[in-house]
Amino acid sequence: MEIAVDEHLAYLLNDFEKNYTSMELFEHASMSSTYAKVVYKKLRQFRNQQNPFWKVSYQEFRDYLNIPNSYASNNIDQSIMPQIMKDNSRYFNNLKVEKYYEKPKGRGRTRLGGYMFTYDKPKDMSKYKILDIDKEKNLEEEQCLDYKPESKTEMDMFPENVPFFD
């Protein structure tokens, strides 16, 4: 069997291991929840830190996981978060999630500000391929809730010079 691929898209097949090792791909594929897979990708980004964590605002969390607006925060806590923790705790030692709350401006109740995921750095990093780009990035900068990428290409999945349709 032969497959013809446009040379602009060849990197999708040829450089597949650039972002995943076979171990990470196996871990990702073994998860049953789509929400858990999305969180796995994010947690994986910060595992090289001394004290890995991911702090995300409530609205960014909903947007990132594409959670429907009809889900209230108690629905997330009861149905989504347990599955995320169950699937990801197999691959991230001592994984914990804590809610943080924002103080109201003036009088009123505190409201849910977001979530903070923490876990222990893996003891054996040899099974993970650390990319040069991971070494260069200051990942703590990305933890800021108001983080803006330095360039448009940092956000884009595909480079601008790749034609999608001819």
C-alpha atoms as a PDB file:
ATOM      1  CA  MET A   1       0.000   0.000   0.000  1.00  0.00           C
ATOM      2  CA  GLU A   2       1.330   3.436  -0.903  1.00  0.00           C
ATOM      3  CA  ILE A   3       0.133   6.748   0.389  1.00  0.00           C
ATOM      4  CA  ALA A   4       0.679  10.051  -1.344  1.00  0.00           C
ATOM      5  CA  VAL A   5       0.819  13.085   0.913  1.00  0.00           C
ATOM      6  CA  ASP A   6       1.294  16.669  -0.122  1.00  0.00           C
ATOM      7  CA  GLU A   7       4.800  17.749   0.895  1.00  0.00           C
ATOM      8  CA  HIS A   8       3.340  20.628   2.930  1.00  0.00           C
ATOM      9  CA  LEU A   9       1.586  18.099   5.174  1.00  0.00           C
ATOM     10  CA  ALA A  10       4.300  15.433   5.282  1.00  0.00           C
ATOM     11  CA  TYR A  11       5.546  16.678   8.645  1.00  0.00           C
ATOM     12  CA  LEU A  12       2.286  15.457  10.219  1.00  0.00           C
ATOM     13  CA  LEU A  13       3.279  11.868   9.439  1.00  0.00           C
ATOM     14  CA  ASN A  14       7.075  12.055   9.440  1.00  0.00           C
ATOM     15  CA  ASP A  15       7.539  14.141  12.586  1.00  0.00           C
ATOM     16  CA  PHE A  16       4.829  12.460  14.624  1.00  0.00           C
ATOM     17  CA  GLU A  17       7.191  11.670  17.495  1.00  0.00           C
ATOM     18  CA  LYS A  18       8.228  15.294  17.762  1.00  0.00           C
ATOM     19  CA  ASN A  19       5.525  15.964  20.352  1.00  0.00           C
ATOM     20  CA  TYR A  20       4.890  12.473  21.700  1.00  0.00           C
ATOM     21  CA  THR A  21       6.922   9.468  22.662  1.00  0.00           C
ATOM     22  CA  SER A  22       5.361   6.053  22.247  1.00  0.00           C
ATOM     23  CA  MET A  23       4.911   5.872  26.016  1.00  0.00           C
ATOM     24  CA  GLU A  24       2.983   9.137  26.116  1.00  0.00           C
ATOM     25  CA  LEU A  25       0.878   8.062  23.182  1.00  0.00           C
ATOM     26  CA  PHE A  26       0.005   4.816  24.981  1.00  0.00           C
ATOM     27  CA  GLU A  27      -0.891   6.723  28.150  1.00  0.00           C
ATOM     28  CA  HIS A  28      -3.061   9.166  26.220  1.00  0.00           C
ATOM     29  CA  ALA A  29      -4.850   6.417  24.277  1.00  0.00           C
ATOM     30  CA  SER A  30      -5.595   4.406  27.420  1.00  0.00           C
ATOM     31  CA  MET A  31      -7.771   7.141  28.921  1.00  0.00           C
ATOM     32  CA  SER A  32     -11.504   6.743  28.625  1.00  0.00           C
ATOM     33  CA  SER A  33     -12.549  10.354  29.142  1.00  0.00           C
ATOM     34  CA  THR A  34     -12.055  13.079  26.558  1.00  0.00           C
ATOM     35  CA  TYR A  35     -11.835  15.619  29.380  1.00  0.00           C
ATOM     36  CA  ALA A  36      -9.076  13.583  31.028  1.00  0.00           C
ATOM     37  CA  LYS A  37      -7.124  13.472  27.763  1.00  0.00           C
ATOM     38  CA  VAL A  38      -7.266  17.249  27.403  1.00  0.00           C
ATOM     39  CA  VAL A  39      -6.063  17.764  30.975  1.00  0.00           C
ATOM     40  CA  TYR A  40      -3.336  15.123  30.450  1.00  0.00           C
ATOM     41  CA  LYS A  41      -1.895  17.168  27.577  1.00  0.00           C
ATOM     42  CA  LYS A  42      -1.779  20.274  29.735  1.00  0.00           C
ATOM     43  CA  LEU A  43      -0.281  18.546  32.775  1.00  0.00           C
ATOM     44  CA  ARG A  44       2.346  16.904  30.578  1.00  0.00           C
ATOM     45  CA  GLN A  45       3.630  20.333  29.562  1.00  0.00           C
ATOM     46  CA  PHE A  46       4.680  21.206  33.110  1.00  0.00           C
ATOM     47  CA  ARG A  47       6.196  17.931  34.315  1.00  0.00           C
ATOM     48  CA  ASN A  48       9.778  19.215  33.834  1.00  0.00           C
ATOM     49  CA  GLN A  49       9.352  21.881  36.517  1.00  0.00           C
ATOM     50  CA  GLN A  50      10.739  21.388  39.996  1.00  0.00           C
ATOM     51  CA  ASN A  51       7.218  21.563  41.471  1.00  0.00           C
ATOM     52  CA  PRO A  52       4.853  20.940  38.568  1.00  0.00           C
ATOM     53  CA  PHE A  53       1.478  22.642  38.686  1.00  0.00           C
ATOM     54  CA  TRP A  54      -1.206  24.009  36.392  1.00  0.00           C
ATOM     55  CA  LYS A  55      -3.275  26.927  37.615  1.00  0.00           C
ATOM     56  CA  VAL A  56      -6.232  27.755  35.430  1.00  0.00           C
ATOM     57  CA  SER A  57      -9.152  30.133  35.869  1.00  0.00           C
ATOM     58  CA  TYR A  58     -12.646  28.685  36.000  1.00  0.00           C
ATOM     59  CA  GLN A  59     -13.693  30.192  32.663  1.00  0.00           C
ATOM     60  CA  GLU A  60     -10.452  29.159  30.913  1.00  0.00           C
ATOM     61  CA  PHE A  61     -10.932  25.632  32.267  1.00  0.00           C
ATOM     62  CA  ARG A  62     -14.466  25.487  30.864  1.00  0.00           C
ATOM     63  CA  ASP A  63     -13.275  26.876  27.519  1.00  0.00           C
ATOM     64  CA  TYR A  64     -10.218  24.614  27.327  1.00  0.00           C
ATOM     65  CA  LEU A  65     -12.279  21.483  28.008  1.00  0.00           C
ATOM     66  CA  ASN A  66     -15.209  22.759  25.931  1.00  0.00           C
ATOM     67  CA  ILE A  67     -17.637  22.178  28.801  1.00  0.00           C
ATOM     68  CA  PRO A  68     -21.224  23.146  27.900  1.00  0.00           C
ATOM     69  CA  ASN A  69     -22.639  26.261  29.560  1.00  0.00           C
ATOM     70  CA  SER A  70     -25.485  24.143  30.925  1.00  0.00           C
ATOM     71  CA  TYR A  71     -23.030  22.468  33.333  1.00  0.00           C
ATOM     72  CA  ALA A  72     -22.884  24.213  36.694  1.00  0.00           C
ATOM     73  CA  SER A  73     -19.734  24.016  38.809  1.00  0.00           C
ATOM     74  CA  ASN A  74     -21.288  21.259  40.953  1.00  0.00           C
ATOM     75  CA  ASN A  75     -21.831  19.185  37.762  1.00  0.00           C
ATOM     76  CA  ILE A  76     -18.155  19.593  36.954  1.00  0.00           C
ATOM     77  CA  ASP A  77     -17.188  18.537  40.487  1.00  0.00           C
ATOM     78  CA  GLN A  78     -19.493  15.499  40.463  1.00  0.00           C
ATOM     79  CA  SER A  79     -19.123  14.097  36.956  1.00  0.00           C
ATOM     80  CA  ILE A  80     -16.105  15.553  35.141  1.00  0.00           C
ATOM     81  CA  MET A  81     -13.471  16.046  37.830  1.00  0.00           C
ATOM     82  CA  PRO A  82     -13.602  12.468  39.239  1.00  0.00           C
ATOM     83  CA  GLN A  83     -12.955  11.015  35.769  1.00  0.00           C
ATOM     84  CA  ILE A  84     -10.093  13.466  35.175  1.00  0.00           C
ATOM     85  CA  MET A  85      -8.515  12.520  38.491  1.00  0.00           C
ATOM     86  CA  LYS A  86      -9.066   8.778  38.013  1.00  0.00           C
ATOM     87  CA  ASP A  87      -7.472   8.651  34.557  1.00  0.00           C
ATOM     88  CA  ASN A  88      -4.609  11.067  35.208  1.00  0.00           C
ATOM     89  CA  SER A  89      -3.586   9.893  38.683  1.00  0.00           C
ATOM     90  CA  ARG A  90      -2.202   6.731  37.049  1.00  0.00           C
ATOM     91  CA  TYR A  91       0.413   8.835  35.226  1.00  0.00           C
ATOM     92  CA  PHE A  92       0.985  11.755  37.595  1.00  0.00           C
ATOM     93  CA  ASN A  93       2.121  10.795  41.097  1.00  0.00           C
ATOM     94  CA  ASN A  94       0.325  12.470  43.974  1.00  0.00           C
ATOM     95  CA  LEU A  95      -2.036  14.359  41.626  1.00  0.00           C
ATOM     96  CA  LYS A  96      -4.260  16.786  43.504  1.00  0.00           C
ATOM     97  CA  VAL A  97      -6.709  19.442  42.432  1.00  0.00           C
ATOM     98  CA  GLU A  98      -7.708  22.356  44.596  1.00  0.00           C
ATOM     99  CA  LYS A  99     -10.256  25.049  43.947  1.00  0.00           C
ATOM    100  CA  TYR A 100      -9.274  28.620  44.544  1.00  0.00           C
ATOM    101  CA  TYR A 101     -11.722  31.399  45.181  1.00  0.00           C
ATOM    102  CA  GLU A 102     -11.784  35.070  44.249  1.00  0.00           C
ATOM    103  CA  LYS A 103     -12.755  37.741  46.701  1.00  0.00           C
ATOM    104  CA  PRO A 104     -15.700  39.830  45.565  1.00  0.00           C
ATOM    105  CA  LYS A 105     -15.316  43.497  44.823  1.00  0.00           C
ATOM    106  CA  GLY A 106     -17.199  45.062  47.668  1.00  0.00           C
ATOM    107  CA  ARG A 107     -19.710  42.935  49.541  1.00  0.00           C
ATOM    108  CA  GLY A 108     -20.882  39.476  48.653  1.00  0.00           C
ATOM    109  CA  ARG A 109     -19.827  35.858  48.513  1.00  0.00           C
ATOM    110  CA  THR A 110     -16.551  34.601  47.197  1.00  0.00           C
ATOM    111  CA  ARG A 111     -16.821  32.899  43.841  1.00  0.00           C
ATOM    112  CA  LEU A 112     -14.908  30.064  42.252  1.00  0.00           C
ATOM    113  CA  GLY A 113     -11.786  31.513  40.653  1.00  0.00           C
ATOM    114  CA  GLY A 114     -10.410  28.326  39.147  1.00  0.00           C
ATOM    115  CA  TYR A 115      -8.459  25.152  39.764  1.00  0.00           C
ATOM    116  CA  MET A 116      -4.890  24.355  40.717  1.00  0.00           C
ATOM    117  CA  PHE A 117      -3.553  20.942  39.679  1.00  0.00           C
ATOM    118  CA  THR A 118      -0.377  19.824  41.468  1.00  0.00           C
ATOM    119  CA  TYR A 119       1.628  16.621  41.225  1.00  0.00           C
ATOM    120  CA  ASP A 120       5.092  15.240  41.898  1.00  0.00           C
ATOM    121  CA  LYS A 121       7.787  15.440  39.271  1.00  0.00           C
ATOM    122  CA  PRO A 122       8.388  11.989  37.737  1.00  0.00           C
ATOM    123  CA  LYS A 123      11.407  10.249  39.262  1.00  0.00           C
ATOM    124  CA  ASP A 124      12.346   8.520  36.015  1.00  0.00           C
ATOM    125  CA  MET A 125      12.380  11.094  33.229  1.00  0.00           C
ATOM    126  CA  SER A 126      14.219   8.739  30.861  1.00  0.00           C
ATOM    127  CA  LYS A 127      10.957   7.394  29.434  1.00  0.00           C
ATOM    128  CA  TYR A 128      10.056  10.910  28.294  1.00  0.00           C
ATOM    129  CA  LYS A 129      11.738  12.693  25.450  1.00  0.00           C
ATOM    130  CA  ILE A 130      12.564  16.244  26.527  1.00  0.00           C
ATOM    131  CA  LEU A 131      12.480  18.464  23.493  1.00  0.00           C
ATOM    132  CA  ASP A 132      14.868  21.359  22.985  1.00  0.00           C
ATOM    133  CA  ILE A 133      11.892  23.693  22.841  1.00  0.00           C
ATOM    134  CA  ASP A 134      10.845  22.494  26.320  1.00  0.00           C
ATOM    135  CA  LYS A 135      14.295  23.301  27.671  1.00  0.00           C
ATOM    136  CA  GLU A 136      14.233  26.787  26.192  1.00  0.00           C
ATOM    137  CA  LYS A 137      10.741  27.783  27.313  1.00  0.00           C
ATOM    138  CA  ASN A 138      10.181  29.374  30.652  1.00  0.00           C
ATOM    139  CA  LEU A 139       7.144  27.319  31.577  1.00  0.00           C
ATOM    140  CA  GLU A 140       6.433  29.303  34.713  1.00  0.00           C
ATOM    141  CA  GLU A 141       5.609  32.220  32.414  1.00  0.00           C
ATOM    142  CA  GLU A 142       2.857  30.117  30.836  1.00  0.00           C
ATOM    143  CA  GLN A 143       1.316  29.469  34.245  1.00  0.00           C
ATOM    144  CA  CYS A 144       0.186  33.090  34.472  1.00  0.00           C
ATOM    145  CA  LEU A 145      -3.508  33.417  33.837  1.00  0.00           C
ATOM    146  CA  ASP A 146      -2.909  36.428  31.631  1.00  0.00           C
ATOM    147  CA  TYR A 147      -0.186  34.732  29.560  1.00  0.00           C
ATOM    148  CA  LYS A 148      -0.061  35.848  25.950  1.00  0.00           C
ATOM    149  CA  PRO A 149       2.095  33.915  23.466  1.00  0.00           C
ATOM    150  CA  GLU A 150       5.093  35.765  22.093  1.00  0.00           C
ATOM    151  CA  SER A 151       4.186  35.024  18.513  1.00  0.00           C
ATOM    152  CA  LYS A 152       1.155  33.959  16.523  1.00  0.00           C
ATOM    153  CA  THR A 153       2.891  30.746  15.440  1.00  0.00           C
ATOM    154  CA  GLU A 154       3.224  29.683  19.063  1.00  0.00           C
ATOM    155  CA  MET A 155      -0.576  29.450  19.181  1.00  0.00           C
ATOM    156  CA  ASP A 156      -1.209  28.026  15.730  1.00  0.00           C
ATOM    157  CA  MET A 157      -1.310  24.310  15.178  1.00  0.00           C
ATOM    158  CA  PHE A 158      -0.179  24.682  11.574  1.00  0.00           C
ATOM    159  CA  PRO A 159       2.338  27.130  10.147  1.00  0.00           C
ATOM    160  CA  GLU A 160       0.945  30.009   8.103  1.00  0.00           C
ATOM    161  CA  ASN A 161       2.744  28.981   4.913  1.00  0.00           C
ATOM    162  CA  VAL A 162       0.897  25.666   4.697  1.00  0.00           C
ATOM    163  CA  PRO A 163      -1.973  25.840   2.219  1.00  0.00           C
ATOM    164  CA  PHE A 164      -4.956  23.869   3.468  1.00  0.00           C
ATOM    165  CA  PHE A 165      -6.917  23.906   0.262  1.00  0.00           C
ATOM    166  CA  ASP A 166      -5.532  24.435  -3.225  1.00  0.00           C
END
